[in-house]
C-alpha cells in the first residue's frame, strides 16, 4: 500500500509524531528541511534532512525518516520505525582508525541514552568511504567520510521529539561540534 500523501488522512497518532519531530530547538549550525518521504516503506511516512555548517563548509549531512504502519504488518516490532542516516567527512588521522566503526556506533547509542530515548530492535551499519583522485583529479586531496545508517522502534507512540534530539546530537558529534553547554575557548578574544 503506498503511503498517504494528505496530512488530513493521517491517523492522529502519526500526525502528533510528525509534529513532535519539529518541536525542537535546533543549534544555529544546523539547517533542517522537510524532504519527500520514501513512498514504499510504510503506509505513512515523514522525512527531514539536516546540514551542519561549520564556517563556510558543510561538516555533516543527515536524514531522519519516520515510518508508521497502523496494521503492524512490517518486519519491525511496533507500529513506528525511525530511520536515521548521518554522513560526515573525517579528519585524516581518524580515517585509518580500526575502531572507527565502534566509535561512530557509540555516538548513536550515547545520544539515545543521553536523551533517554525509549527504543528496541536497534540495528544499523557504519561505513567508511575513502575518495582518491586520479587522472585529471590526481591533484585533489584524498578524503574519507563516515556514514552511519540505523533504525529502531520507539517504545512510545506519538511523541518522537527525543528521537529527533538524539539524531541531532549524533549529527553534531559526527560534525565535530562541541556540546551545546561547552564554551569553545579557541574562539574567545585574547586578553
C-alpha atoms as a PDB file:
ATOM      1  CA  UNK A   1       0.000   0.000   0.000  1.00  0.00           C
ATOM      2  CA  UNK A   2       1.546   3.368  -0.984  1.00  0.00           C
ATOM      3  CA  UNK A   3       1.862   5.992   1.736  1.00  0.00           C
ATOM      4  CA  UNK A   4      -0.896   8.518   2.192  1.00  0.00           C
ATOM      5  CA  UNK A   5       0.148  11.917   0.962  1.00  0.00           C
ATOM      6  CA  UNK A   6      -2.519  14.130   2.529  1.00  0.00           C
ATOM      7  CA  UNK A   7      -1.928  15.204   6.117  1.00  0.00           C
ATOM      8  CA  UNK A   8      -5.669  15.211   6.860  1.00  0.00           C
ATOM      9  CA  UNK A   9      -5.810  11.484   6.049  1.00  0.00           C
ATOM     10  CA  UNK A  10      -3.142  10.610   8.614  1.00  0.00           C
ATOM     11  CA  UNK A  11      -4.186   8.983  11.887  1.00  0.00           C
ATOM     12  CA  UNK A  12      -3.905  11.365  14.876  1.00  0.00           C
ATOM     13  CA  UNK A  13      -1.037   9.386  16.439  1.00  0.00           C
ATOM     14  CA  UNK A  14       1.036   9.772  13.250  1.00  0.00           C
ATOM     15  CA  UNK A  15       0.146  13.467  12.947  1.00  0.00           C
ATOM     16  CA  UNK A  16       1.281  14.014  16.575  1.00  0.00           C
ATOM     17  CA  UNK A  17       4.513  12.124  15.884  1.00  0.00           C
ATOM     18  CA  UNK A  18       5.283  14.264  12.824  1.00  0.00           C
ATOM     19  CA  UNK A  19       4.504  17.463  14.742  1.00  0.00           C
ATOM     20  CA  UNK A  20       6.806  16.349  17.567  1.00  0.00           C
ATOM     21  CA  UNK A  21       9.713  15.969  15.124  1.00  0.00           C
ATOM     22  CA  UNK A  22       9.685  19.713  14.602  1.00  0.00           C
ATOM     23  CA  UNK A  23       9.193  20.640  18.266  1.00  0.00           C
ATOM     24  CA  UNK A  24      12.927  21.022  18.910  1.00  0.00           C
ATOM     25  CA  UNK A  25      15.270  23.885  19.436  1.00  0.00           C
ATOM     26  CA  UNK A  26      17.965  23.431  16.830  1.00  0.00           C
ATOM     27  CA  UNK A  27      21.564  24.601  17.075  1.00  0.00           C
ATOM     28  CA  UNK A  28      22.344  27.585  14.830  1.00  0.00           C
ATOM     29  CA  UNK A  29      24.883  25.483  12.882  1.00  0.00           C
ATOM     30  CA  UNK A  30      22.157  23.049  11.776  1.00  0.00           C
ATOM     31  CA  UNK A  31      19.682  23.694   8.983  1.00  0.00           C
ATOM     32  CA  UNK A  32      16.606  21.430   8.904  1.00  0.00           C
ATOM     33  CA  UNK A  33      14.419  20.874   5.878  1.00  0.00           C
ATOM     34  CA  UNK A  34      11.379  18.713   5.188  1.00  0.00           C
ATOM     35  CA  UNK A  35      12.034  16.308   2.326  1.00  0.00           C
ATOM     36  CA  UNK A  36       9.857  13.806   0.485  1.00  0.00           C
ATOM     37  CA  UNK A  37       9.470  10.575   2.447  1.00  0.00           C
ATOM     38  CA  UNK A  38      10.088   7.148   0.913  1.00  0.00           C
ATOM     39  CA  UNK A  39       6.896   6.005  -0.761  1.00  0.00           C
ATOM     40  CA  UNK A  40       7.005   2.219  -0.389  1.00  0.00           C
ATOM     41  CA  UNK A  41       8.300   1.500   3.093  1.00  0.00           C
ATOM     42  CA  UNK A  42       5.122   2.098   5.104  1.00  0.00           C
ATOM     43  CA  UNK A  43       1.566   3.389   4.672  1.00  0.00           C
ATOM     44  CA  UNK A  44       2.558   6.658   6.388  1.00  0.00           C
ATOM     45  CA  UNK A  45       5.984   8.287   6.339  1.00  0.00           C
ATOM     46  CA  UNK A  46       7.632  11.637   7.022  1.00  0.00           C
ATOM     47  CA  UNK A  47      11.228  12.728   6.451  1.00  0.00           C
ATOM     48  CA  UNK A  48      13.581  15.606   7.104  1.00  0.00           C
ATOM     49  CA  UNK A  49      17.176  16.382   6.280  1.00  0.00           C
ATOM     50  CA  UNK A  50      19.789  18.324   8.198  1.00  0.00           C
ATOM     51  CA  UNK A  51      23.001  20.002   7.160  1.00  0.00           C
ATOM     52  CA  UNK A  52      25.611  21.064   9.704  1.00  0.00           C
ATOM     53  CA  UNK A  53      27.518  24.168   8.660  1.00  0.00           C
ATOM     54  CA  UNK A  54      30.955  24.800  10.154  1.00  0.00           C
ATOM     55  CA  UNK A  55      32.052  28.194   8.892  1.00  0.00           C
ATOM     56  CA  UNK A  56      31.728  28.115   5.120  1.00  0.00           C
ATOM     57  CA  UNK A  57      31.815  24.320   4.885  1.00  0.00           C
ATOM     58  CA  UNK A  58      29.181  21.624   5.229  1.00  0.00           C
ATOM     59  CA  UNK A  59      30.551  19.472   8.067  1.00  0.00           C
ATOM     60  CA  UNK A  60      27.864  16.771   8.078  1.00  0.00           C
ATOM     61  CA  UNK A  61      24.590  15.780   6.471  1.00  0.00           C
ATOM     62  CA  UNK A  62      21.765  13.599   7.715  1.00  0.00           C
ATOM     63  CA  UNK A  63      18.237  12.355   7.157  1.00  0.00           C
ATOM     64  CA  UNK A  64      15.604  11.234   9.651  1.00  0.00           C
ATOM     65  CA  UNK A  65      12.630   9.196   8.458  1.00  0.00           C
ATOM     66  CA  UNK A  66       9.616   8.140  10.495  1.00  0.00           C
ATOM     67  CA  UNK A  67       7.605   5.200   9.216  1.00  0.00           C
ATOM     68  CA  UNK A  68       4.168   4.292  10.530  1.00  0.00           C
ATOM     69  CA  UNK A  69       2.180   1.148   9.833  1.00  0.00           C
ATOM     70  CA  UNK A  70      -1.015   1.087  11.930  1.00  0.00           C
ATOM     71  CA  UNK A  71      -1.649  -2.528  10.897  1.00  0.00           C
ATOM     72  CA  UNK A  72       1.749  -3.692  12.172  1.00  0.00           C
ATOM     73  CA  UNK A  73       2.479  -5.667   9.006  1.00  0.00           C
ATOM     74  CA  UNK A  74       6.135  -4.664   8.683  1.00  0.00           C
ATOM     75  CA  UNK A  75       9.173  -6.512   9.989  1.00  0.00           C
ATOM     76  CA  UNK A  76       9.671  -4.199  12.950  1.00  0.00           C
ATOM     77  CA  UNK A  77       8.223  -4.773  16.442  1.00  0.00           C
ATOM     78  CA  UNK A  78       5.732  -1.901  16.618  1.00  0.00           C
ATOM     79  CA  UNK A  79       3.719   0.496  14.518  1.00  0.00           C
ATOM     80  CA  UNK A  80       6.535   3.106  14.219  1.00  0.00           C
ATOM     81  CA  UNK A  81      10.100   2.795  12.929  1.00  0.00           C
ATOM     82  CA  UNK A  82      12.698   5.566  13.000  1.00  0.00           C
ATOM     83  CA  UNK A  83      15.417   5.502  10.340  1.00  0.00           C
ATOM     84  CA  UNK A  84      18.488   7.716  10.748  1.00  0.00           C
ATOM     85  CA  UNK A  85      21.330   8.481   8.368  1.00  0.00           C
ATOM     86  CA  UNK A  86      24.419  10.611   9.067  1.00  0.00           C
ATOM     87  CA  UNK A  87      27.412  11.319   6.827  1.00  0.00           C
ATOM     88  CA  UNK A  88      30.465  13.389   7.797  1.00  0.00           C
ATOM     89  CA  UNK A  89      33.944  13.969   6.446  1.00  0.00           C
ATOM     90  CA  UNK A  90      36.693  12.743   8.748  1.00  0.00           C
ATOM     91  CA  UNK A  91      39.989  14.253   9.740  1.00  0.00           C
ATOM     92  CA  UNK A  92      42.835  12.318   8.048  1.00  0.00           C
ATOM     93  CA  UNK A  93      44.167  10.985  11.372  1.00  0.00           C
ATOM     94  CA  UNK A  94      40.770   9.416  12.203  1.00  0.00           C
ATOM     95  CA  UNK A  95      40.285   7.838   8.788  1.00  0.00           C
ATOM     96  CA  UNK A  96      42.615   4.909   9.458  1.00  0.00           C
ATOM     97  CA  UNK A  97      41.461   4.169  12.993  1.00  0.00           C
ATOM     98  CA  UNK A  98      40.472   0.480  13.150  1.00  0.00           C
ATOM     99  CA  UNK A  99      37.922   1.308  15.878  1.00  0.00           C
ATOM    100  CA  UNK A 100      36.126   3.950  13.797  1.00  0.00           C
ATOM    101  CA  UNK A 101      33.029   1.784  13.335  1.00  0.00           C
ATOM    102  CA  UNK A 102      32.651   1.106  17.058  1.00  0.00           C
ATOM    103  CA  UNK A 103      33.297   4.757  17.907  1.00  0.00           C
ATOM    104  CA  UNK A 104      30.716   6.032  15.402  1.00  0.00           C
ATOM    105  CA  UNK A 105      28.153   3.495  16.650  1.00  0.00           C
ATOM    106  CA  UNK A 106      28.826   4.653  20.228  1.00  0.00           C
ATOM    107  CA  UNK A 107      27.950   8.207  19.144  1.00  0.00           C
ATOM    108  CA  UNK A 108      24.462   6.911  18.336  1.00  0.00           C
ATOM    109  CA  UNK A 109      23.996   4.745  21.421  1.00  0.00           C
ATOM    110  CA  UNK A 110      25.237   7.549  23.696  1.00  0.00           C
ATOM    111  CA  UNK A 111      22.897  10.064  22.030  1.00  0.00           C
ATOM    112  CA  UNK A 112      19.950   7.698  22.533  1.00  0.00           C
ATOM    113  CA  UNK A 113      20.937   7.092  26.173  1.00  0.00           C
ATOM    114  CA  UNK A 114      21.565  10.782  26.939  1.00  0.00           C
ATOM    115  CA  UNK A 115      18.146  11.736  25.594  1.00  0.00           C
ATOM    116  CA  UNK A 116      16.525   8.771  27.390  1.00  0.00           C
ATOM    117  CA  UNK A 117      15.057   7.584  24.119  1.00  0.00           C
ATOM    118  CA  UNK A 118      12.888   4.528  24.608  1.00  0.00           C
ATOM    119  CA  UNK A 119      13.698   2.116  21.804  1.00  0.00           C
ATOM    120  CA  UNK A 120      14.048  -1.525  20.846  1.00  0.00           C
ATOM    121  CA  UNK A 121      15.322  -3.522  17.869  1.00  0.00           C
ATOM    122  CA  UNK A 122      18.193  -1.103  17.211  1.00  0.00           C
ATOM    123  CA  UNK A 123      20.190  -2.056  14.116  1.00  0.00           C
ATOM    124  CA  UNK A 124      22.480  -0.403  11.629  1.00  0.00           C
ATOM    125  CA  UNK A 125      25.798  -0.097   9.865  1.00  0.00           C
ATOM    126  CA  UNK A 126      28.829   2.183   9.856  1.00  0.00           C
ATOM    127  CA  UNK A 127      30.655   2.637   6.552  1.00  0.00           C
ATOM    128  CA  UNK A 128      33.987   4.311   5.907  1.00  0.00           C
ATOM    129  CA  UNK A 129      34.440   5.616   2.336  1.00  0.00           C
ATOM    130  CA  UNK A 130      37.741   6.961   1.029  1.00  0.00           C
ATOM    131  CA  UNK A 131      37.873   9.016  -2.166  1.00  0.00           C
ATOM    132  CA  UNK A 132      41.127   9.331  -4.111  1.00  0.00           C
ATOM    133  CA  UNK A 133      41.599  11.378  -7.285  1.00  0.00           C
ATOM    134  CA  UNK A 134      43.265  10.026 -10.434  1.00  0.00           C
ATOM    135  CA  UNK A 135      43.972  11.422 -13.886  1.00  0.00           C
ATOM    136  CA  UNK A 136      42.730  14.989 -14.083  1.00  0.00           C
ATOM    137  CA  UNK A 137      41.649  14.741 -10.438  1.00  0.00           C
ATOM    138  CA  UNK A 138      45.031  13.478  -9.187  1.00  0.00           C
ATOM    139  CA  UNK A 139      45.772  16.813  -7.510  1.00  0.00           C
ATOM    140  CA  UNK A 140      42.660  16.723  -5.327  1.00  0.00           C
ATOM    141  CA  UNK A 141      43.177  15.730  -1.698  1.00  0.00           C
ATOM    142  CA  UNK A 142      42.108  12.300  -0.509  1.00  0.00           C
ATOM    143  CA  UNK A 143      39.002  12.457   1.661  1.00  0.00           C
ATOM    144  CA  UNK A 144      37.361   9.968   3.964  1.00  0.00           C
ATOM    145  CA  UNK A 145      33.738  10.017   5.086  1.00  0.00           C
ATOM    146  CA  UNK A 146      31.928   8.038   7.719  1.00  0.00           C
ATOM    147  CA  UNK A 147      28.310   7.055   7.133  1.00  0.00           C
ATOM    148  CA  UNK A 148      26.060   5.722   9.849  1.00  0.00           C
ATOM    149  CA  UNK A 149      22.709   4.162   8.986  1.00  0.00           C
ATOM    150  CA  UNK A 150      20.474   2.973  11.790  1.00  0.00           C
ATOM    151  CA  UNK A 151      16.884   2.195  12.610  1.00  0.00           C
ATOM    152  CA  UNK A 152      14.940   1.455  15.764  1.00  0.00           C
ATOM    153  CA  UNK A 153      11.400   1.047  17.011  1.00  0.00           C
ATOM    154  CA  UNK A 154      10.241   3.676  19.524  1.00  0.00           C
ATOM    155  CA  UNK A 155       8.739   2.247  22.712  1.00  0.00           C
ATOM    156  CA  UNK A 156       6.274   5.142  22.859  1.00  0.00           C
ATOM    157  CA  UNK A 157       3.782   6.295  20.246  1.00  0.00           C
ATOM    158  CA  UNK A 158       3.114   9.906  19.391  1.00  0.00           C
ATOM    159  CA  UNK A 159       5.962  11.988  20.831  1.00  0.00           C
ATOM    160  CA  UNK A 160       9.205  11.468  18.930  1.00  0.00           C
ATOM    161  CA  UNK A 161      10.912  14.716  19.980  1.00  0.00           C
ATOM    162  CA  UNK A 162      13.592  12.851  21.991  1.00  0.00           C
ATOM    163  CA  UNK A 163      14.354  10.722  18.920  1.00  0.00           C
ATOM    164  CA  UNK A 164      14.883  13.869  16.857  1.00  0.00           C
ATOM    165  CA  UNK A 165      17.085  15.346  19.591  1.00  0.00           C
ATOM    166  CA  UNK A 166      19.224  12.177  19.689  1.00  0.00           C
ATOM    167  CA  UNK A 167      19.625  12.271  15.894  1.00  0.00           C
ATOM    168  CA  UNK A 168      20.650  15.940  16.042  1.00  0.00           C
ATOM    169  CA  UNK A 169      23.141  15.116  18.829  1.00  0.00           C
ATOM    170  CA  UNK A 170      24.577  12.308  16.670  1.00  0.00           C
ATOM    171  CA  UNK A 171      24.847  14.674  13.714  1.00  0.00           C
ATOM    172  CA  UNK A 172      26.581  17.321  15.850  1.00  0.00           C
ATOM    173  CA  UNK A 173      29.082  14.785  17.201  1.00  0.00           C
ATOM    174  CA  UNK A 174      29.861  13.453  13.717  1.00  0.00           C
ATOM    175  CA  UNK A 175      30.428  17.041  12.523  1.00  0.00           C
ATOM    176  CA  UNK A 176      32.842  17.680  15.412  1.00  0.00           C
ATOM    177  CA  UNK A 177      30.735  20.350  17.100  1.00  0.00           C
ATOM    178  CA  UNK A 178      31.340  20.854  20.815  1.00  0.00           C
ATOM    179  CA  UNK A 179      28.436  20.028  23.149  1.00  0.00           C
ATOM    180  CA  UNK A 180      25.938  22.890  23.476  1.00  0.00           C
ATOM    181  CA  UNK A 181      26.850  23.588  27.102  1.00  0.00           C
ATOM    182  CA  UNK A 182      30.625  23.725  26.458  1.00  0.00           C
ATOM    183  CA  UNK A 183      32.268  27.013  25.505  1.00  0.00           C
ATOM    184  CA  UNK A 184      34.696  26.956  22.584  1.00  0.00           C
ATOM    185  CA  UNK A 185      37.678  28.781  24.130  1.00  0.00           C
ATOM    186  CA  UNK A 186      39.618  28.733  20.867  1.00  0.00           C
ATOM    187  CA  UNK A 187      37.285  31.475  19.559  1.00  0.00           C
ATOM    188  CA  UNK A 188      37.485  33.783  22.578  1.00  0.00           C
ATOM    189  CA  UNK A 189      39.311  37.051  22.113  1.00  0.00           C
ATOM    190  CA  UNK A 190      42.741  37.252  23.695  1.00  0.00           C
ATOM    191  CA  UNK A 191      43.083  39.361  26.795  1.00  0.00           C
END
